[in-house]
């Protein structure tokens, strides 16, 4: 698609691409140059206070839990007494 560079270095993204990529006003776009080409990629910005969730260690543990769920190794409890009993803490 051919677009025109406007004043203040602005470019309009064609509406069919906006719809296809489900872009909306306020979305963040990363722009990088590679071999003389501009690459524009929609990105999500993660607040610093939530970065722990995306750490390699946390995500590895998340994968372990997902595997345990798939294998049926996760138990449920209807109330705290049942939970404590299942954990062997019913004597406390």
PDB file of N, CA and C in Angstrom:
ATOM      1  N   UNK A   1       0.843  -1.180   0.000  1.00  0.00           N
ATOM      2  CA  UNK A   1       0.000   0.000   0.000  1.00  0.00           C
ATOM      3  C   UNK A   1       0.884   1.238   0.000  1.00  0.00           C
ATOM      4  N   UNK A   2       0.479   2.179  -0.735  1.00  0.00           N
ATOM      5  CA  UNK A   2       1.216   3.421  -0.835  1.00  0.00           C
ATOM      6  C   UNK A   2       0.542   4.465   0.045  1.00  0.00           C
ATOM      7  N   UNK A   3       1.307   5.073   0.956  1.00  0.00           N
ATOM      8  CA  UNK A   3       0.793   6.157   1.792  1.00  0.00           C
ATOM      9  C   UNK A   3       1.743   7.335   1.664  1.00  0.00           C
ATOM     10  N   UNK A   4       1.264   8.485   2.083  1.00  0.00           N
ATOM     11  CA  UNK A   4       2.034   9.718   1.947  1.00  0.00           C
ATOM     12  C   UNK A   4       2.514  10.197   3.309  1.00  0.00           C
ATOM     13  N   UNK A   5       3.768  10.606   3.370  1.00  0.00           N
ATOM     14  CA  UNK A   5       4.315  11.209   4.578  1.00  0.00           C
ATOM     15  C   UNK A   5       3.813  12.643   4.647  1.00  0.00           C
ATOM     16  N   UNK A   6       3.105  12.982   5.705  1.00  0.00           N
ATOM     17  CA  UNK A   6       2.511  14.312   5.880  1.00  0.00           C
ATOM     18  C   UNK A   6       3.444  15.213   6.685  1.00  0.00           C
ATOM     19  N   UNK A   7       2.982  16.442   6.878  1.00  0.00           N
ATOM     20  CA  UNK A   7       3.746  17.365   7.717  1.00  0.00           C
ATOM     21  C   UNK A   7       3.872  16.766   9.110  1.00  0.00           C
ATOM     22  N   UNK A   8       4.886  17.172   9.813  1.00  0.00           N
ATOM     23  CA  UNK A   8       5.184  16.663  11.161  1.00  0.00           C
ATOM     24  C   UNK A   8       5.449  15.161  11.144  1.00  0.00           C
ATOM     25  N   UNK A   9       5.885  14.633   9.993  1.00  0.00           N
ATOM     26  CA  UNK A   9       6.259  13.215   9.841  1.00  0.00           C
ATOM     27  C   UNK A   9       5.112  12.249  10.134  1.00  0.00           C
ATOM     28  N   UNK A  10       3.883  12.634   9.854  1.00  0.00           N
ATOM     29  CA  UNK A  10       2.733  11.776  10.132  1.00  0.00           C
ATOM     30  C   UNK A  10       2.386  10.912   8.929  1.00  0.00           C
ATOM     31  N   UNK A  11       1.952   9.684   9.213  1.00  0.00           N
ATOM     32  CA  UNK A  11       1.511   8.742   8.198  1.00  0.00           C
ATOM     33  C   UNK A  11       0.155   8.207   8.630  1.00  0.00           C
ATOM     34  N   UNK A  12      -0.776   8.070   7.706  1.00  0.00           N
ATOM     35  CA  UNK A  12      -2.079   7.486   8.002  1.00  0.00           C
ATOM     36  C   UNK A  12      -2.043   6.010   7.659  1.00  0.00           C
ATOM     37  N   UNK A  13      -2.395   5.169   8.612  1.00  0.00           N
ATOM     38  CA  UNK A  13      -2.453   3.729   8.377  1.00  0.00           C
ATOM     39  C   UNK A  13      -3.781   3.448   7.681  1.00  0.00           C
ATOM     40  N   UNK A  14      -3.764   2.777   6.547  1.00  0.00           N
ATOM     41  CA  UNK A  14      -5.005   2.490   5.824  1.00  0.00           C
ATOM     42  C   UNK A  14      -6.033   1.775   6.708  1.00  0.00           C
ATOM     43  N   UNK A  15      -7.296   2.166   6.554  1.00  0.00           N
ATOM     44  CA  UNK A  15      -8.359   1.664   7.428  1.00  0.00           C
ATOM     45  C   UNK A  15      -8.481   0.149   7.401  1.00  0.00           C
ATOM     46  N   UNK A  16      -8.227  -0.483   6.241  1.00  0.00           N
ATOM     47  CA  UNK A  16      -8.345  -1.946   6.201  1.00  0.00           C
ATOM     48  C   UNK A  16      -7.289  -2.616   7.078  1.00  0.00           C
ATOM     49  N   UNK A  17      -6.109  -2.004   7.195  1.00  0.00           N
ATOM     50  CA  UNK A  17      -5.088  -2.548   8.092  1.00  0.00           C
ATOM     51  C   UNK A  17      -5.445  -2.277   9.550  1.00  0.00           C
ATOM     52  N   UNK A  18      -6.021  -1.111   9.818  1.00  0.00           N
ATOM     53  CA  UNK A  18      -6.457  -0.793  11.187  1.00  0.00           C
ATOM     54  C   UNK A  18      -7.485  -1.822  11.636  1.00  0.00           C
ATOM     55  N   UNK A  19      -8.443  -2.135  10.768  1.00  0.00           N
ATOM     56  CA  UNK A  19      -9.480  -3.126  11.107  1.00  0.00           C
ATOM     57  C   UNK A  19      -8.883  -4.525  11.257  1.00  0.00           C
ATOM     58  N   UNK A  20      -8.026  -4.910  10.301  1.00  0.00           N
ATOM     59  CA  UNK A  20      -7.434  -6.246  10.330  1.00  0.00           C
ATOM     60  C   UNK A  20      -6.612  -6.476  11.591  1.00  0.00           C
ATOM     61  N   UNK A  21      -5.856  -5.458  12.005  1.00  0.00           N
ATOM     62  CA  UNK A  21      -5.011  -5.573  13.190  1.00  0.00           C
ATOM     63  C   UNK A  21      -5.715  -5.159  14.475  1.00  0.00           C
ATOM     64  N   UNK A  22      -6.996  -4.757  14.336  1.00  0.00           N
ATOM     65  CA  UNK A  22      -7.818  -4.339  15.487  1.00  0.00           C
ATOM     66  C   UNK A  22      -7.151  -3.216  16.273  1.00  0.00           C
ATOM     67  N   UNK A  23      -6.597  -2.254  15.548  1.00  0.00           N
ATOM     68  CA  UNK A  23      -5.962  -1.098  16.185  1.00  0.00           C
ATOM     69  C   UNK A  23      -7.020  -0.084  16.581  1.00  0.00           C
ATOM     70  N   UNK A  24      -6.717   0.682  17.618  1.00  0.00           N
ATOM     71  CA  UNK A  24      -7.634   1.745  18.049  1.00  0.00           C
ATOM     72  C   UNK A  24      -6.808   2.931  18.529  1.00  0.00           C
ATOM     73  N   UNK A  25      -7.427   4.111  18.554  1.00  0.00           N
ATOM     74  CA  UNK A  25      -6.683   5.293  19.007  1.00  0.00           C
ATOM     75  C   UNK A  25      -6.075   5.062  20.392  1.00  0.00           C
ATOM     76  N   UNK A  26      -4.827   5.464  20.548  1.00  0.00           N
ATOM     77  CA  UNK A  26      -4.127   5.298  21.819  1.00  0.00           C
ATOM     78  C   UNK A  26      -3.250   4.060  21.862  1.00  0.00           C
ATOM     79  N   UNK A  27      -3.432   3.121  20.914  1.00  0.00           N
ATOM     80  CA  UNK A  27      -2.562   1.944  20.876  1.00  0.00           C
ATOM     81  C   UNK A  27      -1.124   2.386  20.656  1.00  0.00           C
ATOM     82  N   UNK A  28      -0.198   1.632  21.202  1.00  0.00           N
ATOM     83  CA  UNK A  28       1.222   1.918  21.050  1.00  0.00           C
ATOM     84  C   UNK A  28       1.767   1.116  19.866  1.00  0.00           C
ATOM     85  N   UNK A  29       2.626   1.761  19.075  1.00  0.00           N
ATOM     86  CA  UNK A  29       3.250   1.127  17.926  1.00  0.00           C
ATOM     87  C   UNK A  29       4.755   1.304  18.027  1.00  0.00           C
ATOM     88  N   UNK A  30       5.489   0.218  17.864  1.00  0.00           N
ATOM     89  CA  UNK A  30       6.947   0.306  17.848  1.00  0.00           C
ATOM     90  C   UNK A  30       7.379   0.464  16.397  1.00  0.00           C
ATOM     91  N   UNK A  31       8.273   1.415  16.159  1.00  0.00           N
ATOM     92  CA  UNK A  31       8.787   1.641  14.815  1.00  0.00           C
ATOM     93  C   UNK A  31      10.286   1.407  14.829  1.00  0.00           C
ATOM     94  N   UNK A  32      10.747   0.541  13.927  1.00  0.00           N
ATOM     95  CA  UNK A  32      12.176   0.290  13.819  1.00  0.00           C
ATOM     96  C   UNK A  32      12.580   0.308  12.350  1.00  0.00           C
ATOM     97  N   UNK A  33      13.840   0.589  12.129  1.00  0.00           N
ATOM     98  CA  UNK A  33      14.381   0.595  10.768  1.00  0.00           C
ATOM     99  C   UNK A  33      15.242  -0.640  10.605  1.00  0.00           C
ATOM    100  N   UNK A  34      15.037  -1.353   9.505  1.00  0.00           N
ATOM    101  CA  UNK A  34      15.841  -2.537   9.217  1.00  0.00           C
ATOM    102  C   UNK A  34      16.113  -2.581   7.719  1.00  0.00           C
ATOM    103  N   UNK A  35      17.365  -2.499   7.372  1.00  0.00           N
ATOM    104  CA  UNK A  35      17.785  -2.566   5.969  1.00  0.00           C
ATOM    105  C   UNK A  35      17.061  -1.541   5.102  1.00  0.00           C
ATOM    106  N   UNK A  36      16.892  -0.326   5.621  1.00  0.00           N
ATOM    107  CA  UNK A  36      16.257   0.737   4.852  1.00  0.00           C
ATOM    108  C   UNK A  36      14.739   0.685   4.826  1.00  0.00           C
ATOM    109  N   UNK A  37      14.145  -0.229   5.586  1.00  0.00           N
ATOM    110  CA  UNK A  37      12.677  -0.350   5.653  1.00  0.00           C
ATOM    111  C   UNK A  37      12.198   0.026   7.049  1.00  0.00           C
ATOM    112  N   UNK A  38      11.001   0.602   7.120  1.00  0.00           N
ATOM    113  CA  UNK A  38      10.379   0.880   8.412  1.00  0.00           C
ATOM    114  C   UNK A  38       9.462  -0.286   8.763  1.00  0.00           C
ATOM    115  N   UNK A  39       9.606  -0.791   9.972  1.00  0.00           N
ATOM    116  CA  UNK A  39       8.754  -1.876  10.450  1.00  0.00           C
ATOM    117  C   UNK A  39       7.939  -1.327  11.615  1.00  0.00           C
ATOM    118  N   UNK A  40       6.610  -1.379  11.490  1.00  0.00           N
ATOM    119  CA  UNK A  40       5.712  -0.867  12.519  1.00  0.00           C
ATOM    120  C   UNK A  40       5.006  -2.066  13.147  1.00  0.00           C
ATOM    121  N   UNK A  41       5.154  -2.198  14.460  1.00  0.00           N
ATOM    122  CA  UNK A  41       4.595  -3.344  15.168  1.00  0.00           C
ATOM    123  C   UNK A  41       3.742  -2.871  16.339  1.00  0.00           C
ATOM    124  N   UNK A  42       2.456  -3.296  16.402  1.00  0.00           N
ATOM    125  CA  UNK A  42       1.643  -2.977  17.581  1.00  0.00           C
ATOM    126  C   UNK A  42       2.236  -3.657  18.822  1.00  0.00           C
ATOM    127  N   UNK A  43       2.279  -2.944  19.937  1.00  0.00           N
ATOM    128  CA  UNK A  43       2.830  -3.499  21.169  1.00  0.00           C
ATOM    129  C   UNK A  43       1.901  -3.217  22.340  1.00  0.00           C
ATOM    130  N   UNK A  44       2.032  -4.023  23.363  1.00  0.00           N
ATOM    131  CA  UNK A  44       1.360  -3.799  24.639  1.00  0.00           C
ATOM    132  C   UNK A  44       2.420  -3.334  25.623  1.00  0.00           C
ATOM    133  N   UNK A  45       2.120  -2.309  26.364  1.00  0.00           N
ATOM    134  CA  UNK A  45       3.050  -1.807  27.372  1.00  0.00           C
ATOM    135  C   UNK A  45       2.617  -2.384  28.718  1.00  0.00           C
ATOM    136  N   UNK A  46       3.565  -3.028  29.387  1.00  0.00           N
ATOM    137  CA  UNK A  46       3.274  -3.655  30.671  1.00  0.00           C
ATOM    138  C   UNK A  46       3.729  -2.730  31.790  1.00  0.00           C
ATOM    139  N   UNK A  47       2.813  -2.380  32.706  1.00  0.00           N
ATOM    140  CA  UNK A  47       3.224  -1.538  33.841  1.00  0.00           C
ATOM    141  C   UNK A  47       4.341  -2.217  34.635  1.00  0.00           C
ATOM    142  N   UNK A  48       5.285  -1.425  35.100  1.00  0.00           N
ATOM    143  CA  UNK A  48       6.445  -1.945  35.831  1.00  0.00           C
ATOM    144  C   UNK A  48       6.014  -2.821  37.008  1.00  0.00           C
ATOM    145  N   UNK A  49       4.933  -2.453  37.682  1.00  0.00           N
ATOM    146  CA  UNK A  49       4.479  -3.209  38.846  1.00  0.00           C
ATOM    147  C   UNK A  49       3.993  -4.612  38.481  1.00  0.00           C
ATOM    148  N   UNK A  50       3.747  -4.879  37.189  1.00  0.00           N
ATOM    149  CA  UNK A  50       3.277  -6.192  36.756  1.00  0.00           C
ATOM    150  C   UNK A  50       4.342  -6.996  36.013  1.00  0.00           C
ATOM    151  N   UNK A  51       5.547  -6.467  35.914  1.00  0.00           N
ATOM    152  CA  UNK A  51       6.610  -7.132  35.163  1.00  0.00           C
ATOM    153  C   UNK A  51       7.003  -8.488  35.753  1.00  0.00           C
ATOM    154  N   UNK A  52       6.844  -8.675  37.061  1.00  0.00           N
ATOM    155  CA  UNK A  52       7.209  -9.936  37.697  1.00  0.00           C
ATOM    156  C   UNK A  52       6.503 -11.116  37.026  1.00  0.00           C
ATOM    157  N   UNK A  53       5.262 -10.899  36.596  1.00  0.00           N
ATOM    158  CA  UNK A  53       4.470 -11.982  36.008  1.00  0.00           C
ATOM    159  C   UNK A  53       5.092 -12.485  34.705  1.00  0.00           C
ATOM    160  N   UNK A  54       5.787 -11.621  33.997  1.00  0.00           N
ATOM    161  CA  UNK A  54       6.340 -11.960  32.692  1.00  0.00           C
ATOM    162  C   UNK A  54       7.805 -12.395  32.756  1.00  0.00           C
ATOM    163  N   UNK A  55       8.339 -12.533  33.964  1.00  0.00           N
ATOM    164  CA  UNK A  55       9.724 -12.998  34.104  1.00  0.00           C
ATOM    165  C   UNK A  55       9.820 -14.457  33.640  1.00  0.00           C
ATOM    166  N   UNK A  56      10.998 -14.862  33.188  1.00  0.00           N
ATOM    167  CA  UNK A  56      11.200 -16.236  32.723  1.00  0.00           C
ATOM    168  C   UNK A  56      10.874 -17.244  33.822  1.00  0.00           C
ATOM    169  N   UNK A  57      11.295 -16.923  35.053  1.00  0.00           N
ATOM    170  CA  UNK A  57      11.063 -17.842  36.175  1.00  0.00           C
ATOM    171  C   UNK A  57       9.569 -18.025  36.433  1.00  0.00           C
ATOM    172  N   UNK A  58       8.827 -16.913  36.469  1.00  0.00           N
ATOM    173  CA  UNK A  58       7.396 -17.000  36.761  1.00  0.00           C
ATOM    174  C   UNK A  58       6.681 -17.748  35.634  1.00  0.00           C
ATOM    175  N   UNK A  59       7.019 -17.447  34.392  1.00  0.00           N
ATOM    176  CA  UNK A  59       6.377 -18.112  33.262  1.00  0.00           C
ATOM    177  C   UNK A  59       6.704 -19.601  33.236  1.00  0.00           C
ATOM    178  N   UNK A  60       7.911 -19.984  33.640  1.00  0.00           N
ATOM    179  CA  UNK A  60       8.260 -21.401  33.723  1.00  0.00           C
ATOM    180  C   UNK A  60       7.374 -22.095  34.752  1.00  0.00           C
ATOM    181  N   UNK A  61       7.168 -21.439  35.895  1.00  0.00           N
ATOM    182  CA  UNK A  61       6.287 -22.011  36.920  1.00  0.00           C
ATOM    183  C   UNK A  61       4.844 -22.083  36.424  1.00  0.00           C
ATOM    184  N   UNK A  62       4.411 -21.077  35.668  1.00  0.00           N
ATOM    185  CA  UNK A  62       3.057 -21.090  35.094  1.00  0.00           C
ATOM    186  C   UNK A  62       2.895 -22.305  34.168  1.00  0.00           C
ATOM    187  N   UNK A  63       3.921 -22.609  33.384  1.00  0.00           N
ATOM    188  CA  UNK A  63       3.878 -23.762  32.483  1.00  0.00           C
ATOM    189  C   UNK A  63       3.770 -25.066  33.269  1.00  0.00           C
ATOM    190  N   UNK A  64       4.483 -25.148  34.387  1.00  0.00           N
ATOM    191  CA  UNK A  64       4.401 -26.345  35.229  1.00  0.00           C
ATOM    192  C   UNK A  64       2.987 -26.537  35.754  1.00  0.00           C
ATOM    193  N   UNK A  65       2.373 -25.456  36.205  1.00  0.00           N
ATOM    194  CA  UNK A  65       1.010 -25.536  36.735  1.00  0.00           C
ATOM    195  C   UNK A  65       0.036 -25.930  35.632  1.00  0.00           C
ATOM    196  N   UNK A  66       0.186 -25.351  34.444  1.00  0.00           N
ATOM    197  CA  UNK A  66      -0.685 -25.709  33.321  1.00  0.00           C
ATOM    198  C   UNK A  66      -0.560 -27.200  33.003  1.00  0.00           C
ATOM    199  N   UNK A  67       0.649 -27.732  33.056  1.00  0.00           N
ATOM    200  CA  UNK A  67       0.866 -29.156  32.817  1.00  0.00           C
ATOM    201  C   UNK A  67       0.174 -29.994  33.897  1.00  0.00           C
ATOM    202  N   UNK A  68       0.292 -29.572  35.150  1.00  0.00           N
ATOM    203  CA  UNK A  68      -0.363 -30.286  36.249  1.00  0.00           C
ATOM    204  C   UNK A  68      -1.882 -30.274  36.078  1.00  0.00           C
ATOM    205  N   UNK A  69      -2.421 -29.170  35.610  1.00  0.00           N
ATOM    206  CA  UNK A  69      -3.869 -29.089  35.369  1.00  0.00           C
ATOM    207  C   UNK A  69      -4.256 -30.070  34.266  1.00  0.00           C
ATOM    208  N   UNK A  70      -3.498 -30.081  33.154  1.00  0.00           N
ATOM    209  CA  UNK A  70      -3.788 -31.002  32.044  1.00  0.00           C
ATOM    210  C   UNK A  70      -3.728 -32.463  32.491  1.00  0.00           C
ATOM    211  N   UNK A  71      -2.821 -32.762  33.413  1.00  0.00           N
ATOM    212  CA  UNK A  71      -2.655 -34.130  33.906  1.00  0.00           C
ATOM    213  C   UNK A  71      -3.652 -34.484  35.005  1.00  0.00           C
ATOM    214  N   UNK A  72      -4.503 -33.532  35.386  1.00  0.00           N
ATOM    215  CA  UNK A  72      -5.492 -33.798  36.428  1.00  0.00           C
ATOM    216  C   UNK A  72      -4.904 -33.887  37.816  1.00  0.00           C
ATOM    217  N   UNK A  73      -3.762 -33.248  38.030  1.00  0.00           N
ATOM    218  CA  UNK A  73      -3.079 -33.318  39.322  1.00  0.00           C
ATOM    219  C   UNK A  73      -3.453 -32.163  40.239  1.00  0.00           C
ATOM    220  N   UNK A  74      -4.521 -31.460  39.933  1.00  0.00           N
ATOM    221  CA  UNK A  74      -4.940 -30.315  40.738  1.00  0.00           C
ATOM    222  C   UNK A  74      -6.221 -30.686  41.478  1.00  0.00           C
ATOM    223  N   UNK A  75      -6.243 -30.427  42.756  1.00  0.00           N
ATOM    224  CA  UNK A  75      -7.409 -30.732  43.573  1.00  0.00           C
ATOM    225  C   UNK A  75      -8.160 -29.446  43.901  1.00  0.00           C
ATOM    226  N   UNK A  76      -9.428 -29.579  44.166  1.00  0.00           N
ATOM    227  CA  UNK A  76     -10.250 -28.425  44.558  1.00  0.00           C
ATOM    228  C   UNK A  76     -10.859 -28.678  45.930  1.00  0.00           C
ATOM    229  N   UNK A  77     -11.273 -27.607  46.566  1.00  0.00           N
ATOM    230  CA  UNK A  77     -11.935 -27.700  47.871  1.00  0.00           C
ATOM    231  C   UNK A  77     -13.170 -26.810  47.845  1.00  0.00           C
ATOM    232  N   UNK A  78     -14.231 -27.259  48.494  1.00  0.00           N
ATOM    233  CA  UNK A  78     -15.471 -26.492  48.523  1.00  0.00           C
ATOM    234  C   UNK A  78     -15.456 -25.401  49.580  1.00  0.00           C
ATOM    235  N   UNK A  79     -14.601 -25.563  50.586  1.00  0.00           N
ATOM    236  CA  UNK A  79     -14.522 -24.569  51.660  1.00  0.00           C
ATOM    237  C   UNK A  79     -13.146 -24.680  52.320  1.00  0.00           C
ATOM    238  N   UNK A  80     -12.872 -23.782  53.242  1.00  0.00           N
ATOM    239  CA  UNK A  80     -11.531 -23.767  53.845  1.00  0.00           C
ATOM    240  C   UNK A  80     -11.269 -24.997  54.697  1.00  0.00           C
ATOM    241  N   UNK A  81     -12.297 -25.522  55.356  1.00  0.00           N
ATOM    242  CA  UNK A  81     -12.087 -26.726  56.172  1.00  0.00           C
ATOM    243  C   UNK A  81     -11.662 -27.905  55.295  1.00  0.00           C
ATOM    244  N   UNK A  82     -12.319 -28.057  54.144  1.00  0.00           N
ATOM    245  CA  UNK A  82     -11.952 -29.120  53.211  1.00  0.00           C
ATOM    246  C   UNK A  82     -10.535 -28.893  52.661  1.00  0.00           C
ATOM    247  N   UNK A  83     -10.200 -27.649  52.406  1.00  0.00           N
ATOM    248  CA  UNK A  83      -8.850 -27.302  51.926  1.00  0.00           C
ATOM    249  C   UNK A  83      -7.808 -27.661  52.964  1.00  0.00           C
ATOM    250  N   UNK A  84      -8.028 -27.227  54.209  1.00  0.00           N
ATOM    251  CA  UNK A  84      -7.073 -27.514  55.281  1.00  0.00           C
ATOM    252  C   UNK A  84      -6.907 -29.013  55.494  1.00  0.00           C
ATOM    253  N   UNK A  85      -8.019 -29.763  55.431  1.00  0.00           N
ATOM    254  CA  UNK A  85      -7.964 -31.213  55.597  1.00  0.00           C
ATOM    255  C   UNK A  85      -7.140 -31.836  54.468  1.00  0.00           C
ATOM    256  N   UNK A  86      -7.359 -31.403  53.244  1.00  0.00           N
ATOM    257  CA  UNK A  86      -6.603 -31.905  52.097  1.00  0.00           C
ATOM    258  C   UNK A  86      -5.129 -31.606  52.181  1.00  0.00           C
ATOM    259  N   UNK A  87      -4.782 -30.527  52.863  1.00  0.00           N
ATOM    260  CA  UNK A  87      -3.377 -30.155  53.052  1.00  0.00           C
ATOM    261  C   UNK A  87      -2.772 -30.759  54.311  1.00  0.00           C
ATOM    262  N   UNK A  88      -3.597 -31.510  55.049  1.00  0.00           N
ATOM    263  CA  UNK A  88      -3.106 -32.102  56.293  1.00  0.00           C
ATOM    264  C   UNK A  88      -3.020 -31.101  57.429  1.00  0.00           C
ATOM    265  N   UNK A  89      -3.783 -30.016  57.319  1.00  0.00           N
ATOM    266  CA  UNK A  89      -3.754 -28.966  58.334  1.00  0.00           C
ATOM    267  C   UNK A  89      -5.027 -28.936  59.184  1.00  0.00           C
ATOM    268  N   UNK A  90      -5.813 -30.008  59.137  1.00  0.00           N
ATOM    269  CA  UNK A  90      -7.092 -30.014  59.855  1.00  0.00           C
ATOM    270  C   UNK A  90      -6.914 -30.131  61.363  1.00  0.00           C
ATOM    271  N   UNK A  91      -5.738 -30.455  61.812  1.00  0.00           N
ATOM    272  CA  UNK A  91      -5.488 -30.586  63.241  1.00  0.00           C
ATOM    273  C   UNK A  91      -5.143 -29.264  63.899  1.00  0.00           C
ATOM    274  N   UNK A  92      -4.926 -28.219  63.101  1.00  0.00           N
ATOM    275  CA  UNK A  92      -4.499 -26.916  63.655  1.00  0.00           C
ATOM    276  C   UNK A  92      -5.680 -26.144  64.155  1.00  0.00           C
TER     277      UNK A  92
END
